[in-house]
Protein backbone atom coordinates (compact mmCIF):
# COMPACT_ATOMS: atom_id res chain seq x y z
CA UNK A 1 0.00 0.00 0.00
CA UNK A 2 1.30 3.46 -0.87
CA UNK A 3 2.06 5.92 1.90
CA UNK A 4 -0.43 8.39 0.45
CA UNK A 5 -3.19 5.78 0.82
CA UNK A 6 -2.13 5.04 4.39
CA UNK A 7 -2.18 8.76 5.17
CA UNK A 8 -5.62 9.18 3.59
CA UNK A 9 -6.95 6.23 5.60
CA UNK A 10 -5.53 7.75 8.79
CA UNK A 11 -7.15 11.12 7.99
CA UNK A 12 -10.48 9.36 7.43
CA UNK A 13 -10.15 7.74 10.87
CA UNK A 14 -9.30 11.11 12.43
CA UNK A 15 -12.35 12.69 10.77
CA UNK A 16 -14.58 10.01 12.33
CA UNK A 17 -13.62 11.03 15.87
CA UNK A 18 -13.57 14.80 15.41
CA UNK A 19 -16.94 16.47 15.84
CA UNK A 20 -17.94 18.50 12.79
CA UNK A 21 -16.13 18.32 9.51
CA UNK A 22 -12.64 19.36 8.55
CA UNK A 23 -11.93 21.83 5.79
CA UNK A 24 -9.96 20.74 2.72
CA UNK A 25 -6.91 22.64 3.96
CA UNK A 26 -7.12 20.91 7.34
CA UNK A 27 -7.42 17.50 5.68
CA UNK A 28 -4.43 18.30 3.46
CA UNK A 29 -2.35 19.49 6.42
CA UNK A 30 -3.17 16.40 8.49
CA UNK A 31 -2.43 14.15 5.54
CA UNK A 32 0.95 15.83 5.00
CA UNK A 33 1.83 15.46 8.68
CA UNK A 34 0.97 11.76 8.56
CA UNK A 35 2.90 11.23 5.31
CA UNK A 36 5.99 12.94 6.72
CA UNK A 37 5.73 10.88 9.89
CA UNK A 38 5.53 7.68 7.84
CA UNK A 39 8.56 8.70 5.78
CA UNK A 40 10.47 9.40 9.00
CA UNK A 41 9.44 6.04 10.44
CA UNK A 42 10.58 4.25 7.29
CA UNK A 43 13.93 6.06 7.46
CA UNK A 44 14.47 5.20 11.11
CA UNK A 45 13.51 1.57 10.50
CA UNK A 46 15.92 1.40 7.58
CA UNK A 47 18.73 2.82 9.72
CA UNK A 48 17.99 0.36 12.52
CA UNK A 49 18.02 -2.66 10.23
CA UNK A 50 21.09 -1.42 8.37
CA UNK A 51 23.00 -1.14 11.64
CA UNK A 52 21.75 -4.56 12.70
CA UNK A 53 22.88 -6.07 9.40
CA UNK A 54 26.37 -4.62 9.84
CA UNK A 55 26.59 -5.88 13.43
CA UNK A 56 25.31 -9.39 12.76
CA UNK A 57 27.30 -9.94 9.58
CA UNK A 58 30.67 -9.11 11.18
CA UNK A 59 33.17 -10.67 8.77
CA UNK A 60 30.68 -10.32 5.93
CA UNK A 61 30.61 -6.54 6.38
CA UNK A 62 30.78 -6.03 2.61
CA UNK A 63 27.54 -7.97 2.26
CA UNK A 64 26.01 -5.92 5.05
CA UNK A 65 27.04 -2.70 3.32
CA UNK A 66 25.53 -3.94 0.05
CA UNK A 67 22.30 -4.74 1.87
CA UNK A 68 22.34 -1.30 3.48
CA UNK A 69 22.90 0.31 0.07
CA UNK A 70 19.96 -1.59 -1.41
CA UNK A 71 17.79 -0.52 1.52
CA UNK A 72 18.87 3.09 0.98
CA UNK A 73 17.93 2.91 -2.70
CA UNK A 74 14.56 1.41 -1.80
CA UNK A 75 13.98 4.20 0.71
CA UNK A 76 14.84 6.86 -1.88
CA UNK A 77 12.45 5.23 -4.36
CA UNK A 78 9.71 5.17 -1.71
CA UNK A 79 10.21 8.85 -0.89
CA UNK A 80 10.31 9.78 -4.59
CA UNK A 81 7.08 7.83 -5.10
CA UNK A 82 5.46 9.65 -2.20
CA UNK A 83 6.61 13.06 -3.43
CA UNK A 84 5.31 12.23 -6.91
CA UNK A 85 1.83 11.69 -5.53
CA UNK A 86 1.55 15.19 -4.08
PDB file of N, CA and C in Angstrom:
ATOM      1  N   UNK A   1       0.856  -1.177   0.000  1.00  0.00           N
ATOM      2  CA  UNK A   1       0.000   0.000   0.000  1.00  0.00           C
ATOM      3  C   UNK A   1       0.902   1.239   0.000  1.00  0.00           C
ATOM      4  N   UNK A   2       0.517   2.224  -0.775  1.00  0.00           N
ATOM      5  CA  UNK A   2       1.296   3.456  -0.866  1.00  0.00           C
ATOM      6  C   UNK A   2       1.100   4.305   0.393  1.00  0.00           C
ATOM      7  N   UNK A   3       2.130   5.071   0.714  1.00  0.00           N
ATOM      8  CA  UNK A   3       2.061   5.917   1.905  1.00  0.00           C
ATOM      9  C   UNK A   3       0.926   6.923   1.815  1.00  0.00           C
ATOM     10  N   UNK A   4       0.666   7.433   0.630  1.00  0.00           N
ATOM     11  CA  UNK A   4      -0.433   8.388   0.450  1.00  0.00           C
ATOM     12  C   UNK A   4      -1.760   7.744   0.853  1.00  0.00           C
ATOM     13  N   UNK A   5      -1.956   6.493   0.449  1.00  0.00           N
ATOM     14  CA  UNK A   5      -3.191   5.785   0.816  1.00  0.00           C
ATOM     15  C   UNK A   5      -3.274   5.569   2.323  1.00  0.00           C
ATOM     16  N   UNK A   6      -2.150   5.203   2.932  1.00  0.00           N
ATOM     17  CA  UNK A   6      -2.135   5.044   4.385  1.00  0.00           C
ATOM     18  C   UNK A   6      -2.478   6.354   5.081  1.00  0.00           C
ATOM     19  N   UNK A   7      -1.899   7.448   4.575  1.00  0.00           N
ATOM     20  CA  UNK A   7      -2.179   8.761   5.165  1.00  0.00           C
ATOM     21  C   UNK A   7      -3.656   9.118   5.003  1.00  0.00           C
ATOM     22  N   UNK A   8      -4.203   8.880   3.827  1.00  0.00           N
ATOM     23  CA  UNK A   8      -5.618   9.178   3.595  1.00  0.00           C
ATOM     24  C   UNK A   8      -6.517   8.352   4.511  1.00  0.00           C
ATOM     25  N   UNK A   9      -6.163   7.083   4.701  1.00  0.00           N
ATOM     26  CA  UNK A   9      -6.946   6.233   5.604  1.00  0.00           C
ATOM     27  C   UNK A   9      -6.872   6.757   7.035  1.00  0.00           C
ATOM     28  N   UNK A  10      -5.693   7.201   7.440  1.00  0.00           N
ATOM     29  CA  UNK A  10      -5.530   7.753   8.791  1.00  0.00           C
ATOM     30  C   UNK A  10      -6.358   9.032   8.951  1.00  0.00           C
ATOM     31  N   UNK A  11      -6.351   9.883   7.938  1.00  0.00           N
ATOM     32  CA  UNK A  11      -7.146  11.117   7.993  1.00  0.00           C
ATOM     33  C   UNK A  11      -8.632  10.774   8.095  1.00  0.00           C
ATOM     34  N   UNK A  12      -9.071   9.772   7.360  1.00  0.00           N
ATOM     35  CA  UNK A  12     -10.479   9.359   7.428  1.00  0.00           C
ATOM     36  C   UNK A  12     -10.831   8.898   8.842  1.00  0.00           C
ATOM     37  N   UNK A  13      -9.916   8.182   9.491  1.00  0.00           N
ATOM     38  CA  UNK A  13     -10.153   7.743  10.868  1.00  0.00           C
ATOM     39  C   UNK A  13     -10.199   8.935  11.820  1.00  0.00           C
ATOM     40  N   UNK A  14      -9.319   9.909  11.599  1.00  0.00           N
ATOM     41  CA  UNK A  14      -9.303  11.112  12.434  1.00  0.00           C
ATOM     42  C   UNK A  14     -10.618  11.871  12.268  1.00  0.00           C
ATOM     43  N   UNK A  15     -11.087  11.969  11.029  1.00  0.00           N
ATOM     44  CA  UNK A  15     -12.349  12.690  10.768  1.00  0.00           C
ATOM     45  C   UNK A  15     -13.529  12.052  11.489  1.00  0.00           C
ATOM     46  N   UNK A  16     -13.484  10.712  11.650  1.00  0.00           N
ATOM     47  CA  UNK A  16     -14.576  10.013  12.329  1.00  0.00           C
ATOM     48  C   UNK A  16     -14.695  10.410  13.795  1.00  0.00           C
ATOM     49  N   UNK A  17     -13.566  10.748  14.429  1.00  0.00           N
ATOM     50  CA  UNK A  17     -13.624  11.028  15.866  1.00  0.00           C
ATOM     51  C   UNK A  17     -13.691  12.514  16.189  1.00  0.00           C
ATOM     52  N   UNK A  18     -13.504  13.361  15.186  1.00  0.00           N
ATOM     53  CA  UNK A  18     -13.568  14.797  15.410  1.00  0.00           C
ATOM     54  C   UNK A  18     -14.990  15.269  15.131  1.00  0.00           C
ATOM     55  N   UNK A  19     -15.595  15.953  16.090  1.00  0.00           N
ATOM     56  CA  UNK A  19     -16.945  16.472  15.843  1.00  0.00           C
ATOM     57  C   UNK A  19     -16.904  17.537  14.740  1.00  0.00           C
ATOM     58  N   UNK A  20     -17.917  17.555  13.915  1.00  0.00           N
ATOM     59  CA  UNK A  20     -17.938  18.498  12.793  1.00  0.00           C
ATOM     60  C   UNK A  20     -17.111  17.951  11.651  1.00  0.00           C
ATOM     61  N   UNK A  21     -16.927  18.778  10.648  1.00  0.00           N
ATOM     62  CA  UNK A  21     -16.132  18.319   9.514  1.00  0.00           C
ATOM     63  C   UNK A  21     -14.912  19.216   9.340  1.00  0.00           C
ATOM     64  N   UNK A  22     -13.886  18.635   8.785  1.00  0.00           N
ATOM     65  CA  UNK A  22     -12.635  19.357   8.552  1.00  0.00           C
ATOM     66  C   UNK A  22     -12.686  20.034   7.188  1.00  0.00           C
ATOM     67  N   UNK A  23     -12.018  21.159   7.087  1.00  0.00           N
ATOM     68  CA  UNK A  23     -11.926  21.833   5.789  1.00  0.00           C
ATOM     69  C   UNK A  23     -10.915  21.084   4.923  1.00  0.00           C
ATOM     70  N   UNK A  24     -10.916  21.384   3.634  1.00  0.00           N
ATOM     71  CA  UNK A  24      -9.962  20.739   2.722  1.00  0.00           C
ATOM     72  C   UNK A  24      -8.530  21.050   3.123  1.00  0.00           C
ATOM     73  N   UNK A  25      -8.285  22.276   3.566  1.00  0.00           N
ATOM     74  CA  UNK A  25      -6.912  22.638   3.961  1.00  0.00           C
ATOM     75  C   UNK A  25      -6.496  21.889   5.218  1.00  0.00           C
ATOM     76  N   UNK A  26      -7.431  21.676   6.137  1.00  0.00           N
ATOM     77  CA  UNK A  26      -7.118  20.908   7.341  1.00  0.00           C
ATOM     78  C   UNK A  26      -6.829  19.449   6.997  1.00  0.00           C
ATOM     79  N   UNK A  27      -7.638  18.882   6.112  1.00  0.00           N
ATOM     80  CA  UNK A  27      -7.424  17.501   5.681  1.00  0.00           C
ATOM     81  C   UNK A  27      -6.059  17.381   5.007  1.00  0.00           C
ATOM     82  N   UNK A  28      -5.719  18.328   4.147  1.00  0.00           N
ATOM     83  CA  UNK A  28      -4.426  18.302   3.457  1.00  0.00           C
ATOM     84  C   UNK A  28      -3.270  18.425   4.441  1.00  0.00           C
ATOM     85  N   UNK A  29      -3.408  19.298   5.425  1.00  0.00           N
ATOM     86  CA  UNK A  29      -2.352  19.489   6.417  1.00  0.00           C
ATOM     87  C   UNK A  29      -2.161  18.229   7.264  1.00  0.00           C
ATOM     88  N   UNK A  30      -3.260  17.634   7.696  1.00  0.00           N
ATOM     89  CA  UNK A  30      -3.172  16.403   8.487  1.00  0.00           C
ATOM     90  C   UNK A  30      -2.560  15.288   7.661  1.00  0.00           C
ATOM     91  N   UNK A  31      -2.975  15.176   6.418  1.00  0.00           N
ATOM     92  CA  UNK A  31      -2.431  14.147   5.535  1.00  0.00           C
ATOM     93  C   UNK A  31      -0.929  14.327   5.347  1.00  0.00           C
ATOM     94  N   UNK A  32      -0.482  15.560   5.169  1.00  0.00           N
ATOM     95  CA  UNK A  32       0.948  15.829   4.996  1.00  0.00           C
ATOM     96  C   UNK A  32       1.728  15.473   6.259  1.00  0.00           C
ATOM     97  N   UNK A  33       1.175  15.797   7.417  1.00  0.00           N
ATOM     98  CA  UNK A  33       1.832  15.455   8.682  1.00  0.00           C
ATOM     99  C   UNK A  33       1.985  13.942   8.795  1.00  0.00           C
ATOM    100  N   UNK A  34       0.936  13.226   8.468  1.00  0.00           N
ATOM    101  CA  UNK A  34       0.971  11.761   8.562  1.00  0.00           C
ATOM    102  C   UNK A  34       1.971  11.191   7.553  1.00  0.00           C
ATOM    103  N   UNK A  35       1.953  11.697   6.321  1.00  0.00           N
ATOM    104  CA  UNK A  35       2.897  11.227   5.306  1.00  0.00           C
ATOM    105  C   UNK A  35       4.338  11.446   5.763  1.00  0.00           C
ATOM    106  N   UNK A  36       4.628  12.643   6.268  1.00  0.00           N
ATOM    107  CA  UNK A  36       5.985  12.941   6.725  1.00  0.00           C
ATOM    108  C   UNK A  36       6.397  12.050   7.887  1.00  0.00           C
ATOM    109  N   UNK A  37       5.457  11.764   8.764  1.00  0.00           N
ATOM    110  CA  UNK A  37       5.733  10.879   9.888  1.00  0.00           C
ATOM    111  C   UNK A  37       6.030   9.467   9.393  1.00  0.00           C
ATOM    112  N   UNK A  38       5.273   9.007   8.411  1.00  0.00           N
ATOM    113  CA  UNK A  38       5.525   7.680   7.845  1.00  0.00           C
ATOM    114  C   UNK A  38       6.893   7.613   7.171  1.00  0.00           C
ATOM    115  N   UNK A  39       7.253   8.659   6.431  1.00  0.00           N
ATOM    116  CA  UNK A  39       8.562   8.698   5.784  1.00  0.00           C
ATOM    117  C   UNK A  39       9.666   8.650   6.835  1.00  0.00           C
ATOM    118  N   UNK A  40       9.489   9.402   7.908  1.00  0.00           N
ATOM    119  CA  UNK A  40      10.472   9.404   8.996  1.00  0.00           C
ATOM    120  C   UNK A  40      10.575   8.018   9.634  1.00  0.00           C
ATOM    121  N   UNK A  41       9.441   7.375   9.841  1.00  0.00           N
ATOM    122  CA  UNK A  41       9.439   6.035  10.442  1.00  0.00           C
ATOM    123  C   UNK A  41      10.151   5.039   9.536  1.00  0.00           C
ATOM    124  N   UNK A  42       9.911   5.136   8.236  1.00  0.00           N
ATOM    125  CA  UNK A  42      10.584   4.249   7.287  1.00  0.00           C
ATOM    126  C   UNK A  42      12.092   4.479   7.345  1.00  0.00           C
ATOM    127  N   UNK A  43      12.513   5.735   7.393  1.00  0.00           N
ATOM    128  CA  UNK A  43      13.933   6.057   7.461  1.00  0.00           C
ATOM    129  C   UNK A  43      14.585   5.518   8.714  1.00  0.00           C
ATOM    130  N   UNK A  44      13.922   5.694   9.852  1.00  0.00           N
ATOM    131  CA  UNK A  44      14.468   5.197  11.113  1.00  0.00           C
ATOM    132  C   UNK A  44      14.535   3.674  11.126  1.00  0.00           C
ATOM    133  N   UNK A  45      13.516   3.034  10.573  1.00  0.00           N
ATOM    134  CA  UNK A  45      13.507   1.572  10.496  1.00  0.00           C
ATOM    135  C   UNK A  45      14.638   1.083   9.612  1.00  0.00           C
ATOM    136  N   UNK A  46      14.844   1.755   8.499  1.00  0.00           N
ATOM    137  CA  UNK A  46      15.923   1.395   7.581  1.00  0.00           C
ATOM    138  C   UNK A  46      17.276   1.524   8.274  1.00  0.00           C
ATOM    139  N   UNK A  47      17.475   2.621   9.001  1.00  0.00           N
ATOM    140  CA  UNK A  47      18.727   2.822   9.725  1.00  0.00           C
ATOM    141  C   UNK A  47      18.944   1.718  10.753  1.00  0.00           C
ATOM    142  N   UNK A  48      17.891   1.396  11.486  1.00  0.00           N
ATOM    143  CA  UNK A  48      17.993   0.359  12.524  1.00  0.00           C
ATOM    144  C   UNK A  48      18.392  -0.978  11.914  1.00  0.00           C
ATOM    145  N   UNK A  49      17.722  -1.369  10.838  1.00  0.00           N
ATOM    146  CA  UNK A  49      18.016  -2.662  10.234  1.00  0.00           C
ATOM    147  C   UNK A  49      19.364  -2.661   9.516  1.00  0.00           C
ATOM    148  N   UNK A  50      19.766  -1.514   8.984  1.00  0.00           N
ATOM    149  CA  UNK A  50      21.094  -1.420   8.369  1.00  0.00           C
ATOM    150  C   UNK A  50      22.174  -1.634   9.417  1.00  0.00           C
ATOM    151  N   UNK A  51      22.031  -0.967  10.560  1.00  0.00           N
ATOM    152  CA  UNK A  51      23.000  -1.135  11.642  1.00  0.00           C
ATOM    153  C   UNK A  51      23.009  -2.576  12.136  1.00  0.00           C
ATOM    154  N   UNK A  52      21.843  -3.173  12.253  1.00  0.00           N
ATOM    155  CA  UNK A  52      21.750  -4.560  12.704  1.00  0.00           C
ATOM    156  C   UNK A  52      22.433  -5.487  11.714  1.00  0.00           C
ATOM    157  N   UNK A  53      22.251  -5.236  10.426  1.00  0.00           N
ATOM    158  CA  UNK A  53      22.879  -6.070   9.396  1.00  0.00           C
ATOM    159  C   UNK A  53      24.399  -5.985   9.499  1.00  0.00           C
ATOM    160  N   UNK A  54      24.925  -4.794   9.715  1.00  0.00           N
ATOM    161  CA  UNK A  54      26.375  -4.624   9.838  1.00  0.00           C
ATOM    162  C   UNK A  54      26.887  -5.359  11.076  1.00  0.00           C
ATOM    163  N   UNK A  55      26.168  -5.248  12.186  1.00  0.00           N
ATOM    164  CA  UNK A  55      26.592  -5.884  13.435  1.00  0.00           C
ATOM    165  C   UNK A  55      26.552  -7.411  13.311  1.00  0.00           C
ATOM    166  N   UNK A  56      25.470  -7.938  12.787  1.00  0.00           N
ATOM    167  CA  UNK A  56      25.314  -9.392  12.762  1.00  0.00           C
ATOM    168  C   UNK A  56      26.174 -10.055  11.700  1.00  0.00           C
ATOM    169  N   UNK A  57      26.531  -9.322  10.663  1.00  0.00           N
ATOM    170  CA  UNK A  57      27.296  -9.936   9.581  1.00  0.00           C
ATOM    171  C   UNK A  57      28.790  -9.936   9.851  1.00  0.00           C
ATOM    172  N   UNK A  58      29.261  -9.135  10.798  1.00  0.00           N
ATOM    173  CA  UNK A  58      30.665  -9.112  11.184  1.00  0.00           C
ATOM    174  C   UNK A  58      31.621  -9.252  10.028  1.00  0.00           C
ATOM    175  N   UNK A  59      32.178 -10.470   9.833  1.00  0.00           N
ATOM    176  CA  UNK A  59      33.167 -10.670   8.773  1.00  0.00           C
ATOM    177  C   UNK A  59      32.602 -10.419   7.376  1.00  0.00           C
ATOM    178  N   UNK A  60      31.313 -10.552   7.230  1.00  0.00           N
ATOM    179  CA  UNK A  60      30.681 -10.317   5.934  1.00  0.00           C
ATOM    180  C   UNK A  60      30.204  -8.872   5.832  1.00  0.00           C
ATOM    181  N   UNK A  61      30.989  -7.952   6.344  1.00  0.00           N
ATOM    182  CA  UNK A  61      30.608  -6.541   6.375  1.00  0.00           C
ATOM    183  C   UNK A  61      30.319  -6.000   4.991  1.00  0.00           C
ATOM    184  N   UNK A  62      31.047  -6.488   3.975  1.00  0.00           N
ATOM    185  CA  UNK A  62      30.779  -6.026   2.613  1.00  0.00           C
ATOM    186  C   UNK A  62      29.351  -6.366   2.214  1.00  0.00           C
ATOM    187  N   UNK A  63      28.915  -7.566   2.554  1.00  0.00           N
ATOM    188  CA  UNK A  63      27.543  -7.968   2.259  1.00  0.00           C
ATOM    189  C   UNK A  63      26.567  -7.074   3.009  1.00  0.00           C
ATOM    190  N   UNK A  64      26.876  -6.790   4.249  1.00  0.00           N
ATOM    191  CA  UNK A  64      26.006  -5.924   5.053  1.00  0.00           C
ATOM    192  C   UNK A  64      25.924  -4.532   4.436  1.00  0.00           C
ATOM    193  N   UNK A  65      27.052  -4.019   3.950  1.00  0.00           N
ATOM    194  CA  UNK A  65      27.038  -2.700   3.316  1.00  0.00           C
ATOM    195  C   UNK A  65      26.234  -2.725   2.026  1.00  0.00           C
ATOM    196  N   UNK A  66      26.325  -3.810   1.281  1.00  0.00           N
ATOM    197  CA  UNK A  66      25.531  -3.936   0.050  1.00  0.00           C
ATOM    198  C   UNK A  66      24.038  -3.969   0.384  1.00  0.00           C
ATOM    199  N   UNK A  67      23.699  -4.693   1.440  1.00  0.00           N
ATOM    200  CA  UNK A  67      22.296  -4.745   1.867  1.00  0.00           C
ATOM    201  C   UNK A  67      21.836  -3.349   2.292  1.00  0.00           C
ATOM    202  N   UNK A  68      22.683  -2.653   3.042  1.00  0.00           N
ATOM    203  CA  UNK A  68      22.342  -1.299   3.480  1.00  0.00           C
ATOM    204  C   UNK A  68      22.173  -0.368   2.289  1.00  0.00           C
ATOM    205  N   UNK A  69      23.025  -0.508   1.281  1.00  0.00           N
ATOM    206  CA  UNK A  69      22.903   0.312   0.070  1.00  0.00           C
ATOM    207  C   UNK A  69      21.576   0.052  -0.626  1.00  0.00           C
ATOM    208  N   UNK A  70      21.228  -1.231  -0.768  1.00  0.00           N
ATOM    209  CA  UNK A  70      19.959  -1.587  -1.409  1.00  0.00           C
ATOM    210  C   UNK A  70      18.778  -1.026  -0.631  1.00  0.00           C
ATOM    211  N   UNK A  71      18.860  -1.076   0.692  1.00  0.00           N
ATOM    212  CA  UNK A  71      17.791  -0.521   1.515  1.00  0.00           C
ATOM    213  C   UNK A  71      17.709   0.992   1.331  1.00  0.00           C
ATOM    214  N   UNK A  72      18.854   1.641   1.212  1.00  0.00           N
ATOM    215  CA  UNK A  72      18.872   3.086   0.979  1.00  0.00           C
ATOM    216  C   UNK A  72      18.232   3.451  -0.347  1.00  0.00           C
ATOM    217  N   UNK A  73      18.534   2.665  -1.384  1.00  0.00           N
ATOM    218  CA  UNK A  73      17.932   2.906  -2.696  1.00  0.00           C
ATOM    219  C   UNK A  73      16.421   2.696  -2.643  1.00  0.00           C
ATOM    220  N   UNK A  74      16.001   1.660  -1.932  1.00  0.00           N
ATOM    221  CA  UNK A  74      14.562   1.408  -1.801  1.00  0.00           C
ATOM    222  C   UNK A  74      13.877   2.548  -1.056  1.00  0.00           C
ATOM    223  N   UNK A  75      14.551   3.081  -0.032  1.00  0.00           N
ATOM    224  CA  UNK A  75      13.980   4.203   0.713  1.00  0.00           C
ATOM    225  C   UNK A  75      13.859   5.428  -0.182  1.00  0.00           C
ATOM    226  N   UNK A  76      14.897   5.710  -0.978  1.00  0.00           N
ATOM    227  CA  UNK A  76      14.843   6.858  -1.883  1.00  0.00           C
ATOM    228  C   UNK A  76      13.720   6.702  -2.890  1.00  0.00           C
ATOM    229  N   UNK A  77      13.530   5.482  -3.405  1.00  0.00           N
ATOM    230  CA  UNK A  77      12.448   5.233  -4.357  1.00  0.00           C
ATOM    231  C   UNK A  77      11.090   5.441  -3.690  1.00  0.00           C
ATOM    232  N   UNK A  78      10.961   4.991  -2.450  1.00  0.00           N
ATOM    233  CA  UNK A  78       9.712   5.168  -1.710  1.00  0.00           C
ATOM    234  C   UNK A  78       9.405   6.646  -1.512  1.00  0.00           C
ATOM    235  N   UNK A  79      10.415   7.415  -1.122  1.00  0.00           N
ATOM    236  CA  UNK A  79      10.214   8.847  -0.891  1.00  0.00           C
ATOM    237  C   UNK A  79       9.892   9.546  -2.211  1.00  0.00           C
ATOM    238  N   UNK A  80      10.588   9.176  -3.287  1.00  0.00           N
ATOM    239  CA  UNK A  80      10.309   9.779  -4.594  1.00  0.00           C
ATOM    240  C   UNK A  80       8.883   9.465  -5.019  1.00  0.00           C
ATOM    241  N   UNK A  81       8.446   8.229  -4.768  1.00  0.00           N
ATOM    242  CA  UNK A  81       7.077   7.825  -5.098  1.00  0.00           C
ATOM    243  C   UNK A  81       6.086   8.674  -4.312  1.00  0.00           C
ATOM    244  N   UNK A  82       6.352   8.852  -3.043  1.00  0.00           N
ATOM    245  CA  UNK A  82       5.464   9.655  -2.200  1.00  0.00           C
ATOM    246  C   UNK A  82       5.420  11.092  -2.674  1.00  0.00           C
ATOM    247  N   UNK A  83       6.577  11.667  -2.968  1.00  0.00           N
ATOM    248  CA  UNK A  83       6.614  13.057  -3.427  1.00  0.00           C
ATOM    249  C   UNK A  83       5.906  13.217  -4.777  1.00  0.00           C
ATOM    250  N   UNK A  84       5.969  12.180  -5.613  1.00  0.00           N
ATOM    251  CA  UNK A  84       5.306  12.229  -6.911  1.00  0.00           C
ATOM    252  C   UNK A  84       3.795  12.226  -6.806  1.00  0.00           C
ATOM    253  N   UNK A  85       3.278  11.759  -5.699  1.00  0.00           N
ATOM    254  CA  UNK A  85       1.835  11.695  -5.534  1.00  0.00           C
ATOM    255  C   UNK A  85       1.218  12.992  -5.034  1.00  0.00           C
ATOM    256  N   UNK A  86       2.068  13.928  -4.631  1.00  0.00           N
ATOM    257  CA  UNK A  86       1.551  15.188  -4.084  1.00  0.00           C
ATOM    258  C   UNK A  86       0.980  16.034  -5.135  1.00  0.00           C
TER     259      UNK A  86
END
